[in-house]
N, C-alpha and C. Protein backbone atom coordinates (compact mmCIF):
# COMPACT_ATOMS: atom_id res chain seq x y z
N UNK A 1 -22.87 -4.86 2.39
CA UNK A 1 -21.80 -5.57 3.03
C UNK A 1 -22.30 -6.07 4.49
N UNK A 2 -22.13 -7.40 4.72
CA UNK A 2 -22.67 -7.84 6.01
C UNK A 2 -21.39 -8.29 6.88
N UNK A 3 -21.70 -8.77 8.08
CA UNK A 3 -20.67 -9.12 8.97
C UNK A 3 -19.73 -10.11 8.42
N UNK A 4 -20.21 -11.08 7.56
CA UNK A 4 -19.35 -12.23 7.02
C UNK A 4 -18.43 -11.54 6.05
N UNK A 5 -18.86 -10.64 5.19
CA UNK A 5 -18.02 -9.92 4.26
C UNK A 5 -16.93 -9.17 4.93
N UNK A 6 -17.26 -8.44 6.05
CA UNK A 6 -16.23 -7.85 6.81
C UNK A 6 -15.23 -8.85 7.38
N UNK A 7 -15.70 -9.98 7.85
CA UNK A 7 -14.74 -10.91 8.40
C UNK A 7 -13.80 -11.44 7.34
N UNK A 8 -14.29 -11.81 6.11
CA UNK A 8 -13.58 -12.11 4.91
C UNK A 8 -12.45 -11.08 4.62
N UNK A 9 -12.81 -9.79 4.67
CA UNK A 9 -11.94 -8.69 4.37
C UNK A 9 -10.80 -8.64 5.33
N UNK A 10 -11.22 -8.72 6.56
CA UNK A 10 -10.22 -8.77 7.68
C UNK A 10 -9.22 -9.90 7.56
N UNK A 11 -9.74 -11.25 7.24
CA UNK A 11 -8.86 -12.31 6.99
C UNK A 11 -7.94 -12.11 5.87
N UNK A 12 -8.44 -11.57 4.70
CA UNK A 12 -7.56 -11.35 3.45
C UNK A 12 -6.57 -10.22 3.83
N UNK A 13 -6.84 -9.25 4.60
CA UNK A 13 -5.85 -8.27 4.96
C UNK A 13 -4.75 -8.98 5.66
N UNK A 14 -4.86 -9.98 6.45
CA UNK A 14 -3.89 -10.59 7.28
C UNK A 14 -3.04 -11.45 6.32
N UNK A 15 -3.84 -12.25 5.44
CA UNK A 15 -3.21 -13.25 4.57
C UNK A 15 -4.06 -13.27 3.25
N UNK A 16 -3.50 -12.57 2.29
CA UNK A 16 -4.13 -12.59 0.97
C UNK A 16 -4.09 -13.74 0.17
N UNK A 17 -3.23 -14.74 0.61
CA UNK A 17 -3.14 -16.00 -0.11
C UNK A 17 -4.05 -17.15 0.61
N UNK A 18 -4.82 -16.75 1.51
CA UNK A 18 -5.74 -17.63 2.18
C UNK A 18 -6.58 -18.39 1.25
N UNK A 19 -6.67 -19.65 1.31
CA UNK A 19 -7.47 -20.69 0.40
C UNK A 19 -8.93 -20.29 0.79
N UNK A 20 -9.79 -20.57 -0.26
CA UNK A 20 -11.24 -20.37 -0.10
C UNK A 20 -11.65 -21.39 0.94
N UNK A 21 -10.97 -22.53 0.92
CA UNK A 21 -11.57 -23.58 2.00
C UNK A 21 -11.15 -23.10 3.28
N UNK A 22 -10.06 -22.69 3.62
CA UNK A 22 -9.62 -22.15 4.92
C UNK A 22 -10.33 -20.83 5.35
N UNK A 23 -10.56 -19.99 4.28
CA UNK A 23 -11.21 -18.80 4.65
C UNK A 23 -12.78 -19.07 4.87
N UNK A 24 -13.30 -20.11 4.18
CA UNK A 24 -14.65 -20.47 4.49
C UNK A 24 -14.81 -21.00 5.86
N UNK A 25 -13.81 -21.79 6.29
CA UNK A 25 -13.87 -22.36 7.61
C UNK A 25 -13.83 -21.28 8.61
N UNK A 26 -13.14 -20.29 8.45
CA UNK A 26 -12.96 -19.10 9.38
C UNK A 26 -14.27 -18.42 9.53
N UNK A 27 -14.99 -18.31 8.41
CA UNK A 27 -16.21 -17.58 8.55
C UNK A 27 -17.52 -18.46 8.37
N UNK A 28 -17.33 -19.76 8.47
CA UNK A 28 -18.44 -20.71 8.55
C UNK A 28 -19.15 -20.73 7.34
N UNK A 29 -18.54 -20.80 6.18
CA UNK A 29 -19.14 -21.01 4.83
C UNK A 29 -18.42 -22.11 4.13
N UNK A 30 -19.12 -22.54 3.09
CA UNK A 30 -18.30 -23.53 2.04
C UNK A 30 -17.43 -22.69 1.34
N UNK A 31 -16.39 -23.44 0.70
CA UNK A 31 -15.37 -22.82 -0.14
C UNK A 31 -16.02 -22.11 -1.23
N UNK A 32 -17.11 -22.66 -1.95
CA UNK A 32 -17.71 -22.04 -3.13
C UNK A 32 -18.45 -20.82 -2.66
N UNK A 33 -19.13 -20.89 -1.62
CA UNK A 33 -19.87 -19.69 -1.00
C UNK A 33 -18.98 -18.57 -0.80
N UNK A 34 -17.75 -18.83 -0.19
CA UNK A 34 -16.82 -17.93 0.24
C UNK A 34 -16.10 -17.42 -1.22
N UNK A 35 -15.84 -18.24 -2.15
CA UNK A 35 -15.27 -17.72 -3.40
C UNK A 35 -16.35 -16.75 -4.10
N UNK A 36 -17.60 -17.10 -4.06
CA UNK A 36 -18.63 -16.13 -4.56
C UNK A 36 -18.59 -14.82 -3.92
N UNK A 37 -18.48 -14.74 -2.59
CA UNK A 37 -18.45 -13.59 -1.84
C UNK A 37 -17.16 -12.78 -2.19
N UNK A 38 -16.03 -13.42 -2.27
CA UNK A 38 -14.80 -12.69 -2.60
C UNK A 38 -14.88 -12.12 -3.97
N UNK A 39 -15.48 -12.86 -4.98
CA UNK A 39 -15.71 -12.43 -6.29
C UNK A 39 -16.62 -11.14 -6.26
N UNK A 40 -17.65 -11.06 -5.54
CA UNK A 40 -18.52 -9.93 -5.31
C UNK A 40 -17.70 -8.71 -4.79
N UNK A 41 -16.89 -9.09 -3.81
CA UNK A 41 -16.30 -7.90 -3.14
C UNK A 41 -15.22 -7.39 -4.01
N UNK A 42 -14.58 -8.24 -4.94
CA UNK A 42 -13.74 -7.72 -6.00
C UNK A 42 -14.45 -6.86 -7.00
N UNK A 43 -15.53 -7.32 -7.44
CA UNK A 43 -16.36 -6.61 -8.37
C UNK A 43 -16.86 -5.31 -7.94
N UNK A 44 -17.28 -5.19 -6.64
CA UNK A 44 -17.79 -4.03 -5.97
C UNK A 44 -16.73 -3.01 -5.76
N UNK A 45 -15.40 -3.37 -5.70
CA UNK A 45 -14.35 -2.50 -5.41
C UNK A 45 -14.00 -2.43 -3.97
N UNK A 46 -14.77 -3.17 -3.11
CA UNK A 46 -14.32 -3.44 -1.71
C UNK A 46 -12.89 -3.90 -1.53
N UNK A 47 -12.62 -4.86 -2.45
CA UNK A 47 -11.13 -5.35 -2.49
C UNK A 47 -10.55 -4.66 -3.75
N UNK A 48 -9.59 -3.88 -3.54
CA UNK A 48 -8.99 -3.26 -4.72
C UNK A 48 -7.72 -4.02 -5.27
N UNK A 49 -7.31 -5.08 -4.63
CA UNK A 49 -6.16 -5.68 -5.09
C UNK A 49 -5.64 -6.71 -4.00
N UNK A 50 -5.05 -7.87 -4.52
CA UNK A 50 -4.43 -8.76 -3.52
C UNK A 50 -2.92 -8.73 -4.16
N UNK A 51 -1.94 -8.48 -3.35
CA UNK A 51 -0.63 -8.38 -3.72
C UNK A 51 0.43 -8.68 -2.57
N UNK A 52 1.61 -8.99 -3.09
CA UNK A 52 2.64 -9.28 -2.13
C UNK A 52 3.21 -8.03 -1.56
N UNK A 53 3.65 -8.08 -0.33
CA UNK A 53 4.41 -6.93 0.28
C UNK A 53 5.85 -7.39 0.25
N UNK A 54 6.60 -6.77 -0.54
CA UNK A 54 8.06 -7.19 -0.74
C UNK A 54 9.03 -6.27 0.03
N UNK A 55 10.02 -6.80 0.74
CA UNK A 55 10.89 -6.17 1.32
C UNK A 55 11.83 -5.51 0.41
N UNK A 56 11.93 -4.16 0.32
CA UNK A 56 12.82 -3.42 -0.59
C UNK A 56 14.29 -3.93 -0.48
N UNK A 57 14.78 -4.38 0.66
CA UNK A 57 16.13 -4.81 0.80
C UNK A 57 16.45 -6.06 -0.07
N UNK A 58 15.43 -6.81 -0.22
CA UNK A 58 15.52 -7.87 -1.22
C UNK A 58 15.81 -7.59 -2.55
N UNK A 59 15.42 -6.39 -2.92
CA UNK A 59 15.74 -5.82 -4.25
C UNK A 59 16.90 -4.80 -4.25
N UNK A 60 17.63 -4.88 -3.21
CA UNK A 60 18.80 -4.03 -3.24
C UNK A 60 18.65 -2.67 -2.75
N UNK A 61 17.37 -2.32 -2.23
CA UNK A 61 17.05 -1.05 -1.81
C UNK A 61 17.18 -0.93 -0.32
N UNK A 62 18.30 -0.53 0.20
CA UNK A 62 18.53 -0.55 1.63
C UNK A 62 18.21 0.69 2.37
N UNK A 63 17.85 1.63 1.62
CA UNK A 63 17.37 2.96 2.33
C UNK A 63 15.95 3.34 1.86
N UNK A 64 15.09 3.42 2.87
CA UNK A 64 13.81 3.84 2.70
C UNK A 64 13.67 5.14 3.27
N UNK A 65 12.71 6.02 2.69
CA UNK A 65 12.55 7.35 3.14
C UNK A 65 11.17 7.88 2.81
N UNK A 66 10.80 8.91 3.56
CA UNK A 66 9.61 9.57 3.27
C UNK A 66 10.03 11.03 2.81
N UNK A 67 9.46 11.48 1.64
CA UNK A 67 9.87 12.75 1.12
C UNK A 67 8.54 13.60 0.97
N UNK A 68 8.56 14.68 1.65
CA UNK A 68 7.18 15.59 1.56
C UNK A 68 7.70 16.59 0.32
N UNK A 69 6.76 16.85 -0.57
CA UNK A 69 7.02 17.64 -1.75
C UNK A 69 6.07 18.86 -1.80
N UNK A 70 6.56 19.99 -1.83
CA UNK A 70 5.75 21.19 -2.25
C UNK A 70 6.08 21.45 -3.65
N UNK A 71 4.91 21.55 -4.53
CA UNK A 71 4.99 21.74 -5.90
C UNK A 71 5.13 23.21 -6.24
N UNK A 72 5.89 23.48 -7.37
CA UNK A 72 5.99 24.85 -7.95
C UNK A 72 4.61 25.32 -8.24
N UNK A 73 4.28 26.55 -8.18
CA UNK A 73 2.90 27.09 -8.49
C UNK A 73 2.58 26.72 -9.91
N UNK A 74 3.59 26.53 -10.82
CA UNK A 74 3.20 26.23 -12.26
C UNK A 74 3.06 24.72 -12.46
N UNK A 75 3.32 23.90 -11.47
CA UNK A 75 3.26 22.45 -11.57
C UNK A 75 1.88 21.92 -11.07
N UNK A 76 0.94 21.36 -11.96
CA UNK A 76 -0.18 20.70 -11.51
C UNK A 76 0.09 19.43 -10.89
N UNK A 77 -0.92 18.92 -10.22
CA UNK A 77 -0.80 17.68 -9.52
C UNK A 77 -0.80 16.64 -10.56
N UNK A 78 -1.55 16.70 -11.55
CA UNK A 78 -1.48 15.74 -12.85
C UNK A 78 -0.13 15.70 -13.34
N UNK A 79 0.40 16.67 -13.60
CA UNK A 79 1.79 16.87 -14.27
C UNK A 79 2.81 16.17 -13.25
N UNK A 80 2.80 16.46 -12.00
CA UNK A 80 3.69 15.86 -11.06
C UNK A 80 3.52 14.37 -11.07
N UNK A 81 2.29 13.91 -10.93
CA UNK A 81 2.07 12.41 -10.87
C UNK A 81 2.55 11.72 -12.22
N UNK A 82 2.39 12.38 -13.36
CA UNK A 82 2.89 11.80 -14.66
C UNK A 82 4.41 11.77 -14.54
N UNK A 83 5.08 12.81 -13.94
CA UNK A 83 6.45 12.77 -13.91
C UNK A 83 7.12 11.67 -13.09
N UNK A 84 6.41 11.37 -12.01
CA UNK A 84 6.98 10.36 -11.04
C UNK A 84 6.41 9.06 -11.24
N UNK A 85 5.33 8.79 -12.04
CA UNK A 85 4.85 7.51 -12.28
C UNK A 85 5.79 6.44 -12.56
N UNK A 86 6.75 6.63 -13.39
CA UNK A 86 7.64 5.57 -13.77
C UNK A 86 9.07 5.71 -13.05
N UNK A 87 9.11 6.44 -11.98
CA UNK A 87 10.43 6.58 -11.26
C UNK A 87 10.41 5.30 -10.38
N UNK A 88 11.27 4.46 -10.55
CA UNK A 88 11.26 3.15 -9.85
C UNK A 88 11.48 3.14 -8.31
N UNK A 89 12.00 4.21 -7.86
CA UNK A 89 12.28 4.38 -6.40
C UNK A 89 11.02 4.76 -5.71
N UNK A 90 10.03 5.30 -6.33
CA UNK A 90 8.81 5.83 -5.68
C UNK A 90 7.93 4.68 -5.53
N UNK A 91 7.53 4.35 -4.29
CA UNK A 91 6.52 3.22 -4.15
C UNK A 91 5.13 3.79 -4.00
N UNK A 92 5.00 4.90 -3.29
CA UNK A 92 3.52 5.61 -3.22
C UNK A 92 3.77 7.10 -3.33
N UNK A 93 2.81 7.73 -3.73
CA UNK A 93 2.68 9.10 -3.78
C UNK A 93 1.24 9.48 -3.29
N UNK A 94 1.20 10.35 -2.21
CA UNK A 94 -0.14 10.61 -1.59
C UNK A 94 -0.26 12.10 -1.63
N UNK A 95 -1.30 12.53 -2.24
CA UNK A 95 -1.79 13.97 -2.20
C UNK A 95 -2.26 14.24 -0.84
N UNK A 96 -1.71 15.33 -0.11
CA UNK A 96 -2.12 15.60 1.14
C UNK A 96 -2.46 17.16 1.38
N UNK A 97 -3.05 17.32 2.38
CA UNK A 97 -3.33 18.77 2.93
C UNK A 97 -2.11 19.25 3.78
N UNK A 98 -2.01 20.60 3.94
CA UNK A 98 -1.05 21.02 4.84
C UNK A 98 0.16 21.82 4.00
N UNK A 99 1.14 22.00 4.64
CA UNK A 99 2.15 22.95 3.91
C UNK A 99 2.87 22.18 2.70
N UNK A 100 2.73 20.81 2.63
CA UNK A 100 3.31 20.14 1.52
C UNK A 100 2.09 19.56 0.64
N UNK A 101 2.44 19.37 -0.66
CA UNK A 101 1.35 18.78 -1.60
C UNK A 101 1.28 17.23 -1.64
N UNK A 102 2.52 16.65 -1.51
CA UNK A 102 2.70 15.24 -1.63
C UNK A 102 3.52 14.63 -0.62
N UNK A 103 3.22 13.43 -0.23
CA UNK A 103 4.01 12.64 0.65
C UNK A 103 4.40 11.43 -0.18
N UNK A 104 5.72 11.15 -0.39
CA UNK A 104 6.28 10.13 -1.22
C UNK A 104 6.84 9.07 -0.31
N UNK A 105 6.64 7.86 -0.45
CA UNK A 105 7.39 6.65 0.10
C UNK A 105 8.39 6.29 -0.91
N UNK A 106 9.67 6.16 -0.66
CA UNK A 106 10.68 5.83 -1.55
C UNK A 106 11.58 4.77 -0.93
N UNK A 107 12.15 3.87 -1.92
CA UNK A 107 13.23 2.94 -1.45
C UNK A 107 14.39 3.09 -2.44
N UNK A 108 15.60 3.38 -1.87
CA UNK A 108 16.66 3.63 -2.71
C UNK A 108 17.89 2.69 -2.36
N UNK A 109 18.80 2.50 -3.27
CA UNK A 109 19.88 1.61 -2.97
C UNK A 109 20.97 2.06 -2.01
N UNK A 110 21.17 3.44 -1.97
CA UNK A 110 22.02 4.00 -1.10
C UNK A 110 21.87 5.52 -0.96
N UNK A 111 22.62 6.16 -0.25
CA UNK A 111 22.46 7.69 0.01
C UNK A 111 22.64 8.45 -1.31
N UNK A 112 23.51 7.96 -2.18
CA UNK A 112 23.76 8.65 -3.49
C UNK A 112 22.53 8.43 -4.33
N UNK A 113 21.85 7.45 -4.33
CA UNK A 113 20.54 7.15 -5.05
C UNK A 113 19.41 8.01 -4.51
N UNK A 114 19.35 8.22 -3.15
CA UNK A 114 18.43 9.04 -2.50
C UNK A 114 18.64 10.52 -2.95
N UNK A 115 19.85 11.00 -2.99
CA UNK A 115 20.25 12.35 -3.30
C UNK A 115 19.84 12.60 -4.90
N UNK A 116 20.06 11.58 -5.56
CA UNK A 116 19.80 11.74 -7.11
C UNK A 116 18.29 11.69 -7.32
N UNK A 117 17.51 10.96 -6.53
CA UNK A 117 16.09 10.86 -6.65
C UNK A 117 15.51 12.37 -6.23
N UNK A 118 16.03 12.87 -5.17
CA UNK A 118 15.66 14.11 -4.76
C UNK A 118 15.75 15.23 -5.84
N UNK A 119 16.99 15.21 -6.44
CA UNK A 119 17.21 16.07 -7.59
C UNK A 119 16.34 15.91 -8.68
N UNK A 120 15.97 14.67 -9.00
CA UNK A 120 14.94 14.45 -10.11
C UNK A 120 13.72 15.01 -9.76
N UNK A 121 13.16 14.84 -8.48
CA UNK A 121 11.90 15.24 -8.10
C UNK A 121 11.92 16.89 -8.29
N UNK A 122 13.00 17.44 -7.90
CA UNK A 122 13.06 18.97 -7.95
C UNK A 122 13.19 19.39 -9.40
N UNK A 123 14.07 18.77 -10.24
CA UNK A 123 14.42 19.32 -11.56
C UNK A 123 13.50 18.83 -12.64
N UNK A 124 12.96 17.64 -12.48
CA UNK A 124 12.14 17.16 -13.59
C UNK A 124 10.68 16.95 -13.36
N UNK A 125 10.38 16.92 -11.98
CA UNK A 125 8.86 16.56 -11.67
C UNK A 125 8.15 17.88 -11.11
N UNK A 126 8.86 19.02 -11.01
CA UNK A 126 8.27 20.31 -10.63
C UNK A 126 8.13 20.55 -9.31
N UNK A 127 9.05 20.02 -8.36
CA UNK A 127 8.92 20.23 -6.92
C UNK A 127 9.70 21.58 -6.65
N UNK A 128 9.08 22.43 -5.86
CA UNK A 128 9.74 23.65 -5.36
C UNK A 128 10.52 23.40 -4.21
N UNK A 129 10.13 22.49 -3.28
CA UNK A 129 10.79 22.28 -2.06
C UNK A 129 10.56 20.75 -1.61
N UNK A 130 11.51 20.05 -1.05
CA UNK A 130 11.39 18.76 -0.49
C UNK A 130 11.74 18.71 0.94
N UNK A 131 11.30 17.76 1.67
CA UNK A 131 11.76 17.64 3.04
C UNK A 131 11.82 16.07 3.17
N UNK A 132 13.03 15.39 3.46
CA UNK A 132 13.33 13.99 3.42
C UNK A 132 13.49 13.57 4.91
N UNK A 133 12.98 12.26 5.12
CA UNK A 133 13.24 11.69 6.45
C UNK A 133 13.55 10.26 6.11
N UNK A 134 14.78 9.67 6.55
CA UNK A 134 15.07 8.39 6.35
C UNK A 134 14.33 7.45 7.42
N UNK A 135 13.73 6.27 6.98
CA UNK A 135 12.93 5.56 7.85
C UNK A 135 13.95 4.54 8.62
N UNK A 136 13.93 4.58 9.82
CA UNK A 136 14.81 3.71 10.59
C UNK A 136 14.16 2.32 10.91
N UNK A 137 12.91 2.31 11.22
CA UNK A 137 12.27 1.11 11.66
C UNK A 137 10.66 1.46 11.35
N UNK A 138 10.09 0.38 10.99
CA UNK A 138 8.62 0.50 10.79
C UNK A 138 7.88 -0.65 11.46
N UNK A 139 6.76 -0.58 12.20
CA UNK A 139 6.04 -1.67 12.75
C UNK A 139 4.67 -1.53 12.18
N UNK A 140 3.93 -2.81 11.94
CA UNK A 140 2.61 -2.68 11.60
C UNK A 140 1.78 -2.85 12.77
N UNK A 141 0.83 -2.00 13.10
CA UNK A 141 -0.02 -2.09 14.17
C UNK A 141 -1.45 -2.44 13.76
N UNK A 142 -1.61 -3.70 13.63
CA UNK A 142 -3.00 -4.30 13.20
C UNK A 142 -3.26 -3.99 11.78
N UNK A 143 -4.39 -4.23 11.33
CA UNK A 143 -4.93 -3.98 9.97
C UNK A 143 -5.74 -2.84 10.01
N UNK A 144 -6.06 -2.20 8.95
CA UNK A 144 -7.00 -0.99 8.87
C UNK A 144 -8.40 -1.41 9.52
N UNK A 145 -8.87 -2.61 9.23
CA UNK A 145 -10.25 -3.03 9.74
C UNK A 145 -10.20 -3.26 11.07
N UNK A 146 -9.01 -3.92 11.68
CA UNK A 146 -8.92 -4.22 13.13
C UNK A 146 -8.86 -2.92 13.95
N UNK A 147 -8.29 -1.92 13.36
CA UNK A 147 -8.01 -0.52 14.15
C UNK A 147 -9.51 -0.01 14.22
N UNK A 148 -10.44 -0.50 13.42
CA UNK A 148 -11.76 0.20 13.46
C UNK A 148 -12.66 -0.60 14.54
N UNK A 149 -12.03 -1.58 15.22
CA UNK A 149 -12.74 -2.18 16.41
C UNK A 149 -13.33 -3.46 15.92
N UNK A 150 -13.25 -3.99 14.77
CA UNK A 150 -13.76 -5.18 14.38
C UNK A 150 -13.12 -6.45 15.12
N UNK A 151 -13.80 -7.54 15.06
CA UNK A 151 -13.17 -8.70 15.62
C UNK A 151 -12.04 -9.36 14.81
N UNK A 152 -11.11 -10.03 15.34
CA UNK A 152 -10.12 -10.60 14.55
C UNK A 152 -10.69 -11.87 13.95
N UNK A 153 -10.03 -12.24 12.71
CA UNK A 153 -10.55 -13.49 12.02
C UNK A 153 -10.18 -14.62 12.83
N UNK A 154 -10.91 -15.72 12.68
CA UNK A 154 -10.89 -16.85 13.44
C UNK A 154 -9.63 -17.85 13.09
N UNK A 155 -9.27 -17.71 11.77
CA UNK A 155 -8.22 -18.65 11.26
C UNK A 155 -7.36 -18.04 10.18
N UNK A 156 -6.14 -18.39 10.03
CA UNK A 156 -5.14 -18.02 9.13
C UNK A 156 -4.93 -19.13 8.09
N UNK A 157 -4.65 -18.88 6.97
CA UNK A 157 -4.50 -19.93 5.89
C UNK A 157 -3.28 -19.57 4.99
N UNK A 158 -3.28 -20.55 4.01
CA UNK A 158 -2.01 -20.40 3.13
C UNK A 158 -2.14 -19.95 1.81
N UNK A 159 -3.28 -20.09 0.96
CA UNK A 159 -3.30 -19.53 -0.41
C UNK A 159 -4.86 -19.26 -0.86
N UNK A 160 -4.92 -18.29 -1.68
CA UNK A 160 -6.29 -17.87 -2.12
C UNK A 160 -6.70 -18.64 -3.28
N UNK A 161 -7.11 -19.88 -3.18
CA UNK A 161 -7.64 -20.81 -3.95
C UNK A 161 -8.53 -21.88 -3.47
N UNK A 162 -9.30 -22.50 -4.13
CA UNK A 162 -10.23 -23.57 -3.54
C UNK A 162 -9.45 -24.84 -3.42
């Protein structure tokens, strides 16, 4: 991976819908050369996906929370992950170190939905203990690559197509 690949990644982190034409202009390549680099980045696994970031409130989920989960000694990580995989309120589950085993990011319709979700995690997914915090506000502070000290992309664009 060279400097141009890193610039492409930074630009796509900011706007995953950036056209190959605009992305190429930002990194001083043709649209076809840029498309080829993006294809290679996808194949190599450097780009793991391009997706929309959806506001949970638009889906009727007005309460977001973080739930730390300590598993019962008899519950494996695989069993827990299988149990929560299809729970619609859970957006991410991260296996972590420390006194809890998992950190969940959840979006619920209301407090009753959050309470029901917590009970589901305890009774059906094998949690021994949970610790919940309601998210009041969240800000994005740069992109992962910009926090590593890289230069900002030169241009923003509108869609990932030539």
